[in-house]
Amino acid sequence: MFYEIYVSSEKRFDDFEFNGITYKYVSSKISSGVIEPKNTQGIRVTTLERTVVDSIKDFEKIGGLEELLNCIESISHLNENKLIKYLDAYNLQFLYQKAGFLLEHYKDQLQLSDEG
């Protein structure tokens, strides 16, 4: 179990601890894929597809490759247009390569096409 949570924000804040959990600031590199779910009163989260792209980008922050693969295995569907949108927003060659390599393995489970 991990006791660190990475929080992406447009506004910088100092890392802090609350109830035994350390909250660490991570600079928000892109703004797309952030939503405010109903009844959350100002709390914003990323879409599933944005979370997957961020997790592939910085998998060492979510517990390593094995944890990333476990998380991907628990997903039944991803919107590939959204995946491409967030990959394009980052515009990082290595991220396209990592995402393509990993998601190719899960394309049937995630209902992704061969073209994506």
PDB file of N, CA and C in Angstrom:
ATOM      1  N   MET A   1       0.840  -1.174   0.000  1.00  0.00           N
ATOM      2  CA  MET A   1       0.000   0.000   0.000  1.00  0.00           C
ATOM      3  C   MET A   1       0.888   1.241   0.000  1.00  0.00           C
ATOM      4  N   PHE A   2       0.503   2.201  -0.789  1.00  0.00           N
ATOM      5  CA  PHE A   2       1.273   3.431  -0.896  1.00  0.00           C
ATOM      6  C   PHE A   2       0.608   4.541  -0.093  1.00  0.00           C
ATOM      7  N   TYR A   3       1.422   5.386   0.461  1.00  0.00           N
ATOM      8  CA  TYR A   3       0.924   6.496   1.260  1.00  0.00           C
ATOM      9  C   TYR A   3       1.321   7.831   0.663  1.00  0.00           C
ATOM     10  N   GLU A   4       1.481   7.837  -0.657  1.00  0.00           N
ATOM     11  CA  GLU A   4       1.779   9.057  -1.387  1.00  0.00           C
ATOM     12  C   GLU A   4       0.751   9.236  -2.485  1.00  0.00           C
ATOM     13  N   ILE A   5       0.247  10.447  -2.591  1.00  0.00           N
ATOM     14  CA  ILE A   5      -0.685  10.782  -3.652  1.00  0.00           C
ATOM     15  C   ILE A   5      -0.098  11.957  -4.407  1.00  0.00           C
ATOM     16  N   TYR A   6      -0.017  11.810  -5.722  1.00  0.00           N
ATOM     17  CA  TYR A   6       0.472  12.894  -6.570  1.00  0.00           C
ATOM     18  C   TYR A   6      -0.723  13.699  -7.044  1.00  0.00           C
ATOM     19  N   VAL A   7      -0.651  14.994  -6.851  1.00  0.00           N
ATOM     20  CA  VAL A   7      -1.743  15.890  -7.203  1.00  0.00           C
ATOM     21  C   VAL A   7      -1.240  16.859  -8.257  1.00  0.00           C
ATOM     22  N   SER A   8      -1.876  16.840  -9.408  1.00  0.00           N
ATOM     23  CA  SER A   8      -1.528  17.758 -10.485  1.00  0.00           C
ATOM     24  C   SER A   8      -2.374  19.009 -10.326  1.00  0.00           C
ATOM     25  N   SER A   9      -1.729  20.139 -10.461  1.00  0.00           N
ATOM     26  CA  SER A   9      -2.437  21.386 -10.269  1.00  0.00           C
ATOM     27  C   SER A   9      -1.805  22.482 -11.110  1.00  0.00           C
ATOM     28  N   GLU A  10      -2.637  23.422 -11.535  1.00  0.00           N
ATOM     29  CA  GLU A  10      -2.104  24.585 -12.236  1.00  0.00           C
ATOM     30  C   GLU A  10      -1.423  25.530 -11.256  1.00  0.00           C
ATOM     31  N   LYS A  11      -1.830  25.462  -9.990  1.00  0.00           N
ATOM     32  CA  LYS A  11      -1.233  26.290  -8.950  1.00  0.00           C
ATOM     33  C   LYS A  11      -0.294  25.434  -8.100  1.00  0.00           C
ATOM     34  N   ARG A  12       0.916  25.899  -7.958  1.00  0.00           N
ATOM     35  CA  ARG A  12       1.911  25.167  -7.172  1.00  0.00           C
ATOM     36  C   ARG A  12       1.566  25.210  -5.690  1.00  0.00           C
ATOM     37  N   PHE A  13       1.806  24.095  -4.999  1.00  0.00           N
ATOM     38  CA  PHE A  13       1.659  24.058  -3.547  1.00  0.00           C
ATOM     39  C   PHE A  13       2.775  23.206  -2.975  1.00  0.00           C
ATOM     40  N   ASP A  14       3.070  23.429  -1.711  1.00  0.00           N
ATOM     41  CA  ASP A  14       4.088  22.642  -1.032  1.00  0.00           C
ATOM     42  C   ASP A  14       3.520  21.276  -0.682  1.00  0.00           C
ATOM     43  N   ASP A  15       4.361  20.241  -0.804  1.00  0.00           N
ATOM     44  CA  ASP A  15       3.941  18.901  -0.403  1.00  0.00           C
ATOM     45  C   ASP A  15       3.524  18.949   1.067  1.00  0.00           C
ATOM     46  N   PHE A  16       2.513  18.135   1.408  1.00  0.00           N
ATOM     47  CA  PHE A  16       2.072  18.114   2.797  1.00  0.00           C
ATOM     48  C   PHE A  16       1.584  16.723   3.166  1.00  0.00           C
ATOM     49  N   GLU A  17       1.471  16.481   4.455  1.00  0.00           N
ATOM     50  CA  GLU A  17       0.977  15.203   4.954  1.00  0.00           C
ATOM     51  C   GLU A  17      -0.315  15.437   5.718  1.00  0.00           C
ATOM     52  N   PHE A  18      -1.277  14.537   5.516  1.00  0.00           N
ATOM     53  CA  PHE A  18      -2.549  14.605   6.213  1.00  0.00           C
ATOM     54  C   PHE A  18      -3.028  13.192   6.470  1.00  0.00           C
ATOM     55  N   ASN A  19      -3.320  12.870   7.715  1.00  0.00           N
ATOM     56  CA  ASN A  19      -3.786  11.528   8.107  1.00  0.00           C
ATOM     57  C   ASN A  19      -2.872  10.420   7.599  1.00  0.00           C
ATOM     58  N   GLY A  20      -1.568  10.637   7.671  1.00  0.00           N
ATOM     59  CA  GLY A  20      -0.607   9.610   7.286  1.00  0.00           C
ATOM     60  C   GLY A  20      -0.377   9.475   5.792  1.00  0.00           C
ATOM     61  N   ILE A  21      -0.973  10.348   4.993  1.00  0.00           N
ATOM     62  CA  ILE A  21      -0.810  10.316   3.544  1.00  0.00           C
ATOM     63  C   ILE A  21      -0.081  11.577   3.109  1.00  0.00           C
ATOM     64  N   THR A  22       0.962  11.400   2.297  1.00  0.00           N
ATOM     65  CA  THR A  22       1.711  12.530   1.775  1.00  0.00           C
ATOM     66  C   THR A  22       1.146  12.915   0.419  1.00  0.00           C
ATOM     67  N   TYR A  23       0.822  14.184   0.264  1.00  0.00           N
ATOM     68  CA  TYR A  23       0.298  14.724  -0.986  1.00  0.00           C
ATOM     69  C   TYR A  23       1.428  15.498  -1.654  1.00  0.00           C
ATOM     70  N   LYS A  24       1.782  15.078  -2.871  1.00  0.00           N
ATOM     71  CA  LYS A  24       2.901  15.684  -3.576  1.00  0.00           C
ATOM     72  C   LYS A  24       2.419  16.416  -4.821  1.00  0.00           C
ATOM     73  N   TYR A  25       2.944  17.609  -4.992  1.00  0.00           N
ATOM     74  CA  TYR A  25       2.594  18.426  -6.148  1.00  0.00           C
ATOM     75  C   TYR A  25       3.305  17.923  -7.401  1.00  0.00           C
ATOM     76  N   VAL A  26       2.554  17.862  -8.492  1.00  0.00           N
ATOM     77  CA  VAL A  26       3.100  17.561  -9.807  1.00  0.00           C
ATOM     78  C   VAL A  26       2.571  18.629 -10.748  1.00  0.00           C
ATOM     79  N   SER A  27       3.447  19.253 -11.478  1.00  0.00           N
ATOM     80  CA  SER A  27       3.048  20.302 -12.410  1.00  0.00           C
ATOM     81  C   SER A  27       2.107  19.743 -13.475  1.00  0.00           C
ATOM     82  N   SER A  28       1.054  20.460 -13.753  1.00  0.00           N
ATOM     83  CA  SER A  28       0.103  20.050 -14.778  1.00  0.00           C
ATOM     84  C   SER A  28       0.643  20.472 -16.139  1.00  0.00           C
ATOM     85  N   LYS A  29       1.010  19.505 -16.969  1.00  0.00           N
ATOM     86  CA  LYS A  29       1.607  19.788 -18.274  1.00  0.00           C
ATOM     87  C   LYS A  29       0.572  20.050 -19.361  1.00  0.00           C
ATOM     88  N   ILE A  30      -0.615  19.468 -19.204  1.00  0.00           N
ATOM     89  CA  ILE A  30      -1.699  19.696 -20.160  1.00  0.00           C
ATOM     90  C   ILE A  30      -2.980  19.972 -19.378  1.00  0.00           C
ATOM     91  N   SER A  31      -3.928  20.637 -20.029  1.00  0.00           N
ATOM     92  CA  SER A  31      -5.173  20.970 -19.322  1.00  0.00           C
ATOM     93  C   SER A  31      -6.356  20.116 -19.768  1.00  0.00           C
ATOM     94  N   SER A  32      -6.240  19.429 -20.885  1.00  0.00           N
ATOM     95  CA  SER A  32      -7.370  18.628 -21.363  1.00  0.00           C
ATOM     96  C   SER A  32      -7.531  17.362 -20.532  1.00  0.00           C
ATOM     97  N   GLY A  33      -8.767  16.883 -20.482  1.00  0.00           N
ATOM     98  CA  GLY A  33      -9.058  15.646 -19.769  1.00  0.00           C
ATOM     99  C   GLY A  33      -9.342  15.825 -18.292  1.00  0.00           C
ATOM    100  N   VAL A  34      -9.535  17.067 -17.855  1.00  0.00           N
ATOM    101  CA  VAL A  34      -9.873  17.340 -16.461  1.00  0.00           C
ATOM    102  C   VAL A  34     -11.374  17.603 -16.389  1.00  0.00           C
ATOM    103  N   ILE A  35     -12.039  16.874 -15.505  1.00  0.00           N
ATOM    104  CA  ILE A  35     -13.494  17.004 -15.383  1.00  0.00           C
ATOM    105  C   ILE A  35     -13.868  17.249 -13.922  1.00  0.00           C
ATOM    106  N   GLU A  36     -15.067  17.762 -13.724  1.00  0.00           N
ATOM    107  CA  GLU A  36     -15.606  17.932 -12.377  1.00  0.00           C
ATOM    108  C   GLU A  36     -16.863  17.080 -12.288  1.00  0.00           C
ATOM    109  N   PRO A  37     -16.735  15.897 -11.693  1.00  0.00           N
ATOM    110  CA  PRO A  37     -17.900  15.009 -11.599  1.00  0.00           C
ATOM    111  C   PRO A  37     -19.033  15.647 -10.802  1.00  0.00           C
ATOM    112  N   LYS A  38     -20.241  15.192 -11.063  1.00  0.00           N
ATOM    113  CA  LYS A  38     -21.416  15.703 -10.351  1.00  0.00           C
ATOM    114  C   LYS A  38     -21.236  15.508  -8.847  1.00  0.00           C
ATOM    115  N   ASN A  39     -21.764  16.450  -8.102  1.00  0.00           N
ATOM    116  CA  ASN A  39     -21.789  16.379  -6.637  1.00  0.00           C
ATOM    117  C   ASN A  39     -20.408  16.355  -5.986  1.00  0.00           C
ATOM    118  N   THR A  40     -19.393  16.929  -6.639  1.00  0.00           N
ATOM    119  CA  THR A  40     -18.060  16.952  -6.026  1.00  0.00           C
ATOM    120  C   THR A  40     -17.675  18.332  -5.519  1.00  0.00           C
ATOM    121  N   GLN A  41     -18.445  19.340  -5.838  1.00  0.00           N
ATOM    122  CA  GLN A  41     -18.257  20.696  -5.334  1.00  0.00           C
ATOM    123  C   GLN A  41     -16.810  21.178  -5.434  1.00  0.00           C
ATOM    124  N   GLY A  42     -16.347  21.350  -6.660  1.00  0.00           N
ATOM    125  CA  GLY A  42     -15.028  21.932  -6.886  1.00  0.00           C
ATOM    126  C   GLY A  42     -13.881  20.954  -6.975  1.00  0.00           C
ATOM    127  N   ILE A  43     -14.128  19.696  -6.754  1.00  0.00           N
ATOM    128  CA  ILE A  43     -13.071  18.692  -6.880  1.00  0.00           C
ATOM    129  C   ILE A  43     -13.008  18.247  -8.325  1.00  0.00           C
ATOM    130  N   ARG A  44     -11.826  18.330  -8.914  1.00  0.00           N
ATOM    131  CA  ARG A  44     -11.652  17.936 -10.307  1.00  0.00           C
ATOM    132  C   ARG A  44     -10.758  16.708 -10.380  1.00  0.00           C
ATOM    133  N   VAL A  45     -11.055  15.865 -11.335  1.00  0.00           N
ATOM    134  CA  VAL A  45     -10.293  14.639 -11.564  1.00  0.00           C
ATOM    135  C   VAL A  45     -10.032  14.520 -13.062  1.00  0.00           C
ATOM    136  N   THR A  46      -9.194  13.581 -13.439  1.00  0.00           N
ATOM    137  CA  THR A  46      -8.961  13.354 -14.858  1.00  0.00           C
ATOM    138  C   THR A  46      -9.841  12.209 -15.349  1.00  0.00           C
ATOM    139  N   THR A  47     -10.138  12.240 -16.654  1.00  0.00           N
ATOM    140  CA  THR A  47     -10.901  11.156 -17.261  1.00  0.00           C
ATOM    141  C   THR A  47     -10.086   9.864 -17.175  1.00  0.00           C
ATOM    142  N   LEU A  48     -10.746   8.759 -17.390  1.00  0.00           N
ATOM    143  CA  LEU A  48     -10.054   7.471 -17.349  1.00  0.00           C
ATOM    144  C   LEU A  48      -8.918   7.440 -18.370  1.00  0.00           C
ATOM    145  N   GLU A  49      -9.194   7.919 -19.575  1.00  0.00           N
ATOM    146  CA  GLU A  49      -8.179   7.888 -20.630  1.00  0.00           C
ATOM    147  C   GLU A  49      -6.995   8.795 -20.286  1.00  0.00           C
ATOM    148  N   ARG A  50      -7.255   9.959 -19.740  1.00  0.00           N
ATOM    149  CA  ARG A  50      -6.164  10.854 -19.334  1.00  0.00           C
ATOM    150  C   ARG A  50      -5.362  10.211 -18.202  1.00  0.00           C
ATOM    151  N   THR A  51      -6.051   9.569 -17.271  1.00  0.00           N
ATOM    152  CA  THR A  51      -5.370   8.892 -16.169  1.00  0.00           C
ATOM    153  C   THR A  51      -4.467   7.780 -16.688  1.00  0.00           C
ATOM    154  N   VAL A  52      -4.939   7.023 -17.679  1.00  0.00           N
ATOM    155  CA  VAL A  52      -4.127   5.958 -18.262  1.00  0.00           C
ATOM    156  C   VAL A  52      -2.879   6.544 -18.929  1.00  0.00           C
ATOM    157  N   VAL A  53      -3.054   7.601 -19.712  1.00  0.00           N
ATOM    158  CA  VAL A  53      -1.901   8.227 -20.378  1.00  0.00           C
ATOM    159  C   VAL A  53      -0.917   8.758 -19.339  1.00  0.00           C
ATOM    160  N   ASP A  54      -1.416   9.446 -18.311  1.00  0.00           N
ATOM    161  CA  ASP A  54      -0.536   9.957 -17.253  1.00  0.00           C
ATOM    162  C   ASP A  54       0.182   8.823 -16.535  1.00  0.00           C
ATOM    163  N   SER A  55      -0.515   7.732 -16.306  1.00  0.00           N
ATOM    164  CA  SER A  55       0.072   6.590 -15.610  1.00  0.00           C
ATOM    165  C   SER A  55       1.156   5.923 -16.444  1.00  0.00           C
ATOM    166  N   ILE A  56       0.942   5.836 -17.745  1.00  0.00           N
ATOM    167  CA  ILE A  56       1.980   5.291 -18.631  1.00  0.00           C
ATOM    168  C   ILE A  56       3.175   6.234 -18.655  1.00  0.00           C
ATOM    169  N   LYS A  57       2.908   7.517 -18.703  1.00  0.00           N
ATOM    170  CA  LYS A  57       3.978   8.525 -18.752  1.00  0.00           C
ATOM    171  C   LYS A  57       4.872   8.458 -17.516  1.00  0.00           C
ATOM    172  N   ASP A  58       4.260   8.356 -16.350  1.00  0.00           N
ATOM    173  CA  ASP A  58       5.006   8.391 -15.086  1.00  0.00           C
ATOM    174  C   ASP A  58       4.714   7.157 -14.234  1.00  0.00           C
ATOM    175  N   PHE A  59       4.866   5.969 -14.809  1.00  0.00           N
ATOM    176  CA  PHE A  59       4.461   4.760 -14.094  1.00  0.00           C
ATOM    177  C   PHE A  59       5.239   4.523 -12.810  1.00  0.00           C
ATOM    178  N   GLU A  60       6.429   5.106 -12.685  1.00  0.00           N
ATOM    179  CA  GLU A  60       7.179   4.936 -11.438  1.00  0.00           C
ATOM    180  C   GLU A  60       6.482   5.625 -10.267  1.00  0.00           C
ATOM    181  N   LYS A  61       5.610   6.589 -10.553  1.00  0.00           N
ATOM    182  CA  LYS A  61       4.886   7.293  -9.492  1.00  0.00           C
ATOM    183  C   LYS A  61       3.648   6.529  -9.026  1.00  0.00           C
ATOM    184  N   ILE A  62       3.228   5.539  -9.775  1.00  0.00           N
ATOM    185  CA  ILE A  62       2.041   4.777  -9.376  1.00  0.00           C
ATOM    186  C   ILE A  62       2.391   3.368  -8.914  1.00  0.00           C
ATOM    187  N   GLY A  63       3.650   3.146  -8.610  1.00  0.00           N
ATOM    188  CA  GLY A  63       4.042   1.849  -8.061  1.00  0.00           C
ATOM    189  C   GLY A  63       4.820   0.975  -9.019  1.00  0.00           C
ATOM    190  N   GLY A  64       5.193   1.495 -10.170  1.00  0.00           N
ATOM    191  CA  GLY A  64       6.013   0.738 -11.104  1.00  0.00           C
ATOM    192  C   GLY A  64       5.215   0.064 -12.207  1.00  0.00           C
ATOM    193  N   LEU A  65       5.949  -0.629 -13.060  1.00  0.00           N
ATOM    194  CA  LEU A  65       5.346  -1.268 -14.233  1.00  0.00           C
ATOM    195  C   LEU A  65       4.323  -2.331 -13.860  1.00  0.00           C
ATOM    196  N   GLU A  66       4.629  -3.144 -12.869  1.00  0.00           N
ATOM    197  CA  GLU A  66       3.694  -4.208 -12.488  1.00  0.00           C
ATOM    198  C   GLU A  66       2.355  -3.630 -12.026  1.00  0.00           C
ATOM    199  N   GLU A  67       2.392  -2.566 -11.250  1.00  0.00           N
ATOM    200  CA  GLU A  67       1.152  -1.933 -10.789  1.00  0.00           C
ATOM    201  C   GLU A  67       0.401  -1.304 -11.959  1.00  0.00           C
ATOM    202  N   LEU A  68       1.133  -0.687 -12.890  1.00  0.00           N
ATOM    203  CA  LEU A  68       0.505  -0.132 -14.088  1.00  0.00           C
ATOM    204  C   LEU A  68      -0.230  -1.223 -14.857  1.00  0.00           C
ATOM    205  N   LEU A  69       0.412  -2.342 -15.069  1.00  0.00           N
ATOM    206  CA  LEU A  69      -0.217  -3.444 -15.798  1.00  0.00           C
ATOM    207  C   LEU A  69      -1.440  -3.977 -15.063  1.00  0.00           C
ATOM    208  N   ASN A  70      -1.361  -4.074 -13.733  1.00  0.00           N
ATOM    209  CA  ASN A  70      -2.523  -4.512 -12.948  1.00  0.00           C
ATOM    210  C   ASN A  70      -3.684  -3.548 -13.121  1.00  0.00           C
ATOM    211  N   CYS A  71      -3.398  -2.263 -13.128  1.00  0.00           N
ATOM    212  CA  CYS A  71      -4.450  -1.263 -13.301  1.00  0.00           C
ATOM    213  C   CYS A  71      -5.073  -1.356 -14.692  1.00  0.00           C
ATOM    214  N   ILE A  72      -4.239  -1.476 -15.716  1.00  0.00           N
ATOM    215  CA  ILE A  72      -4.759  -1.581 -17.088  1.00  0.00           C
ATOM    216  C   ILE A  72      -5.620  -2.826 -17.233  1.00  0.00           C
ATOM    217  N   GLU A  73      -5.221  -3.915 -16.599  1.00  0.00           N
ATOM    218  CA  GLU A  73      -5.994  -5.154 -16.693  1.00  0.00           C
ATOM    219  C   GLU A  73      -7.385  -5.029 -16.076  1.00  0.00           C
ATOM    220  N   SER A  74      -7.568  -4.069 -15.184  1.00  0.00           N
ATOM    221  CA  SER A  74      -8.875  -3.905 -14.542  1.00  0.00           C
ATOM    222  C   SER A  74      -9.838  -3.040 -15.363  1.00  0.00           C
ATOM    223  N   ILE A  75      -9.380  -2.523 -16.506  1.00  0.00           N
ATOM    224  CA  ILE A  75     -10.200  -1.653 -17.357  1.00  0.00           C
ATOM    225  C   ILE A  75     -10.802  -2.476 -18.488  1.00  0.00           C
ATOM    226  N   SER A  76     -12.076  -2.258 -18.768  1.00  0.00           N
ATOM    227  CA  SER A  76     -12.725  -3.036 -19.826  1.00  0.00           C
ATOM    228  C   SER A  76     -12.856  -2.279 -21.141  1.00  0.00           C
ATOM    229  N   HIS A  77     -12.764  -0.956 -21.118  1.00  0.00           N
ATOM    230  CA  HIS A  77     -12.932  -0.187 -22.353  1.00  0.00           C
ATOM    231  C   HIS A  77     -12.261   1.173 -22.215  1.00  0.00           C
ATOM    232  N   LEU A  78     -11.596   1.593 -23.279  1.00  0.00           N
ATOM    233  CA  LEU A  78     -11.031   2.938 -23.355  1.00  0.00           C
ATOM    234  C   LEU A  78     -11.468   3.579 -24.667  1.00  0.00           C
ATOM    235  N   ASN A  79     -11.704   4.861 -24.637  1.00  0.00           N
ATOM    236  CA  ASN A  79     -12.049   5.615 -25.839  1.00  0.00           C
ATOM    237  C   ASN A  79     -10.739   5.997 -26.523  1.00  0.00           C
ATOM    238  N   GLU A  80     -10.463   5.360 -27.654  1.00  0.00           N
ATOM    239  CA  GLU A  80      -9.162   5.592 -28.287  1.00  0.00           C
ATOM    240  C   GLU A  80      -9.010   6.997 -28.839  1.00  0.00           C
ATOM    241  N   ASN A  81     -10.112   7.650 -29.207  1.00  0.00           N
ATOM    242  CA  ASN A  81     -10.009   9.041 -29.658  1.00  0.00           C
ATOM    243  C   ASN A  81      -9.517   9.942 -28.531  1.00  0.00           C
ATOM    244  N   LYS A  82     -10.002   9.693 -27.314  1.00  0.00           N
ATOM    245  CA  LYS A  82      -9.529  10.459 -26.160  1.00  0.00           C
ATOM    246  C   LYS A  82      -8.067  10.139 -25.857  1.00  0.00           C
ATOM    247  N   LEU A  83      -7.696   8.870 -25.945  1.00  0.00           N
ATOM    248  CA  LEU A  83      -6.287   8.495 -25.725  1.00  0.00           C
ATOM    249  C   LEU A  83      -5.384   9.268 -26.677  1.00  0.00           C
ATOM    250  N   ILE A  84      -5.751   9.283 -27.938  1.00  0.00           N
ATOM    251  CA  ILE A  84      -4.946   9.973 -28.953  1.00  0.00           C
ATOM    252  C   ILE A  84      -4.919  11.478 -28.675  1.00  0.00           C
ATOM    253  N   LYS A  85      -6.052  12.025 -28.260  1.00  0.00           N
ATOM    254  CA  LYS A  85      -6.117  13.457 -27.936  1.00  0.00           C
ATOM    255  C   LYS A  85      -5.117  13.811 -26.832  1.00  0.00           C
ATOM    256  N   TYR A  86      -5.038  12.997 -25.782  1.00  0.00           N
ATOM    257  CA  TYR A  86      -4.138  13.298 -24.665  1.00  0.00           C
ATOM    258  C   TYR A  86      -2.689  13.012 -25.046  1.00  0.00           C
ATOM    259  N   LEU A  87      -2.448  11.989 -25.830  1.00  0.00           N
ATOM    260  CA  LEU A  87      -1.091  11.734 -26.321  1.00  0.00           C
ATOM    261  C   LEU A  87      -0.626  12.891 -27.196  1.00  0.00           C
ATOM    262  N   ASP A  88      -1.523  13.367 -28.060  1.00  0.00           N
ATOM    263  CA  ASP A  88      -1.190  14.516 -28.914  1.00  0.00           C
ATOM    264  C   ASP A  88      -0.915  15.763 -28.079  1.00  0.00           C
ATOM    265  N   ALA A  89      -1.668  15.948 -26.992  1.00  0.00           N
ATOM    266  CA  ALA A  89      -1.467  17.126 -26.138  1.00  0.00           C
ATOM    267  C   ALA A  89      -0.074  17.105 -25.511  1.00  0.00           C
ATOM    268  N   TYR A  90       0.385  15.938 -25.080  1.00  0.00           N
ATOM    269  CA  TYR A  90       1.738  15.825 -24.525  1.00  0.00           C
ATOM    270  C   TYR A  90       2.792  15.952 -25.624  1.00  0.00           C
ATOM    271  N   ASN A  91       2.480  15.361 -26.780  1.00  0.00           N
ATOM    272  CA  ASN A  91       3.388  15.423 -27.931  1.00  0.00           C
ATOM    273  C   ASN A  91       4.817  14.983 -27.577  1.00  0.00           C
ATOM    274  N   LEU A  92       4.914  13.820 -26.935  1.00  0.00           N
ATOM    275  CA  LEU A  92       6.208  13.250 -26.552  1.00  0.00           C
ATOM    276  C   LEU A  92       6.391  11.917 -27.262  1.00  0.00           C
ATOM    277  N   GLN A  93       7.392  11.815 -28.089  1.00  0.00           N
ATOM    278  CA  GLN A  93       7.612  10.615 -28.890  1.00  0.00           C
ATOM    279  C   GLN A  93       7.700   9.361 -28.020  1.00  0.00           C
ATOM    280  N   PHE A  94       8.468   9.441 -26.924  1.00  0.00           N
ATOM    281  CA  PHE A  94       8.618   8.259 -26.079  1.00  0.00           C
ATOM    282  C   PHE A  94       7.289   7.842 -25.459  1.00  0.00           C
ATOM    283  N   LEU A  95       6.386   8.795 -25.209  1.00  0.00           N
ATOM    284  CA  LEU A  95       5.087   8.463 -24.630  1.00  0.00           C
ATOM    285  C   LEU A  95       4.207   7.752 -25.653  1.00  0.00           C
ATOM    286  N   TYR A  96       4.224   8.219 -26.904  1.00  0.00           N
ATOM    287  CA  TYR A  96       3.511   7.497 -27.973  1.00  0.00           C
ATOM    288  C   TYR A  96       4.018   6.058 -28.049  1.00  0.00           C
ATOM    289  N   GLN A  97       5.333   5.887 -27.980  1.00  0.00           N
ATOM    290  CA  GLN A  97       5.928   4.553 -28.096  1.00  0.00           C
ATOM    291  C   GLN A  97       5.553   3.664 -26.920  1.00  0.00           C
ATOM    292  N   LYS A  98       5.662   4.183 -25.707  1.00  0.00           N
ATOM    293  CA  LYS A  98       5.314   3.394 -24.520  1.00  0.00           C
ATOM    294  C   LYS A  98       3.843   3.017 -24.541  1.00  0.00           C
ATOM    295  N   ALA A  99       2.978   3.999 -24.851  1.00  0.00           N
ATOM    296  CA  ALA A  99       1.539   3.733 -24.866  1.00  0.00           C
ATOM    297  C   ALA A  99       1.195   2.709 -25.946  1.00  0.00           C
ATOM    298  N   GLY A 100       1.763   2.874 -27.127  1.00  0.00           N
ATOM    299  CA  GLY A 100       1.493   1.925 -28.203  1.00  0.00           C
ATOM    300  C   GLY A 100       1.936   0.522 -27.847  1.00  0.00           C
ATOM    301  N   PHE A 101       3.115   0.406 -27.277  1.00  0.00           N
ATOM    302  CA  PHE A 101       3.646  -0.905 -26.894  1.00  0.00           C
ATOM    303  C   PHE A 101       2.754  -1.575 -25.844  1.00  0.00           C
ATOM    304  N   LEU A 102       2.392  -0.826 -24.801  1.00  0.00           N
ATOM    305  CA  LEU A 102       1.583  -1.406 -23.723  1.00  0.00           C
ATOM    306  C   LEU A 102       0.146  -1.680 -24.156  1.00  0.00           C
ATOM    307  N   LEU A 103      -0.468  -0.719 -24.821  1.00  0.00           N
ATOM    308  CA  LEU A 103      -1.883  -0.864 -25.159  1.00  0.00           C
ATOM    309  C   LEU A 103      -2.124  -1.866 -26.284  1.00  0.00           C
ATOM    310  N   GLU A 104      -1.124  -2.099 -27.117  1.00  0.00           N
ATOM    311  CA  GLU A 104      -1.235  -3.135 -28.156  1.00  0.00           C
ATOM    312  C   GLU A 104      -1.534  -4.491 -27.507  1.00  0.00           C
ATOM    313  N   HIS A 105      -0.902  -4.749 -26.397  1.00  0.00           N
ATOM    314  CA  HIS A 105      -1.087  -6.020 -25.690  1.00  0.00           C
ATOM    315  C   HIS A 105      -2.527  -6.169 -25.171  1.00  0.00           C
ATOM    316  N   TYR A 106      -3.169  -5.065 -24.848  1.00  0.00           N
ATOM    317  CA  TYR A 106      -4.513  -5.090 -24.264  1.00  0.00           C
ATOM    318  C   TYR A 106      -5.595  -4.600 -25.225  1.00  0.00           C
ATOM    319  N   LYS A 107      -5.282  -4.482 -26.506  1.00  0.00           N
ATOM    320  CA  LYS A 107      -6.214  -3.842 -27.444  1.00  0.00           C
ATOM    321  C   LYS A 107      -7.561  -4.548 -27.532  1.00  0.00           C
ATOM    322  N   ASP A 108      -7.593  -5.871 -27.492  1.00  0.00           N
ATOM    323  CA  ASP A 108      -8.877  -6.575 -27.558  1.00  0.00           C
ATOM    324  C   ASP A 108      -9.695  -6.324 -26.288  1.00  0.00           C
ATOM    325  N   GLN A 109      -9.066  -6.455 -25.140  1.00  0.00           N
ATOM    326  CA  GLN A 109      -9.747  -6.236 -23.862  1.00  0.00           C
ATOM    327  C   GLN A 109     -10.269  -4.809 -23.757  1.00  0.00           C
ATOM    328  N   LEU A 110      -9.493  -3.845 -24.217  1.00  0.00           N
ATOM    329  CA  LEU A 110      -9.858  -2.430 -24.094  1.00  0.00           C
ATOM    330  C   LEU A 110     -10.697  -1.933 -25.266  1.00  0.00           C
ATOM    331  N   GLN A 111     -10.968  -2.833 -26.208  1.00  0.00           N
ATOM    332  CA  GLN A 111     -11.783  -2.550 -27.380  1.00  0.00           C
ATOM    333  C   GLN A 111     -11.178  -1.430 -28.231  1.00  0.00           C
ATOM    334  N   LEU A 112      -9.872  -1.549 -28.483  1.00  0.00           N
ATOM    335  CA  LEU A 112      -9.144  -0.588 -29.307  1.00  0.00           C
ATOM    336  C   LEU A 112      -8.972  -1.156 -30.705  1.00  0.00           C
ATOM    337  N   SER A 113      -8.966  -0.292 -31.714  1.00  0.00           N
ATOM    338  CA  SER A 113      -8.820  -0.745 -33.091  1.00  0.00           C
ATOM    339  C   SER A 113      -7.351  -0.915 -33.453  1.00  0.00           C
ATOM    340  N   ASP A 114      -7.109  -1.485 -34.611  1.00  0.00           N
ATOM    341  CA  ASP A 114      -5.737  -1.624 -35.107  1.00  0.00           C
ATOM    342  C   ASP A 114      -5.197  -0.297 -35.625  1.00  0.00           C
ATOM    343  N   GLU A 115      -6.084   0.626 -36.000  1.00  0.00           N
ATOM    344  CA  GLU A 115      -5.658   1.884 -36.581  1.00  0.00           C
ATOM    345  C   GLU A 115      -5.142   2.884 -35.562  1.00  0.00           C
ATOM    346  N   GLY A 116      -5.648   2.826 -34.288  1.00  0.00           N
ATOM    347  CA  GLY A 116      -5.345   3.825 -33.277  1.00  0.00           C
ATOM    348  C   GLY A 116      -3.935   3.979 -32.900  1.00  0.00           C
TER     349      GLY A 116
END
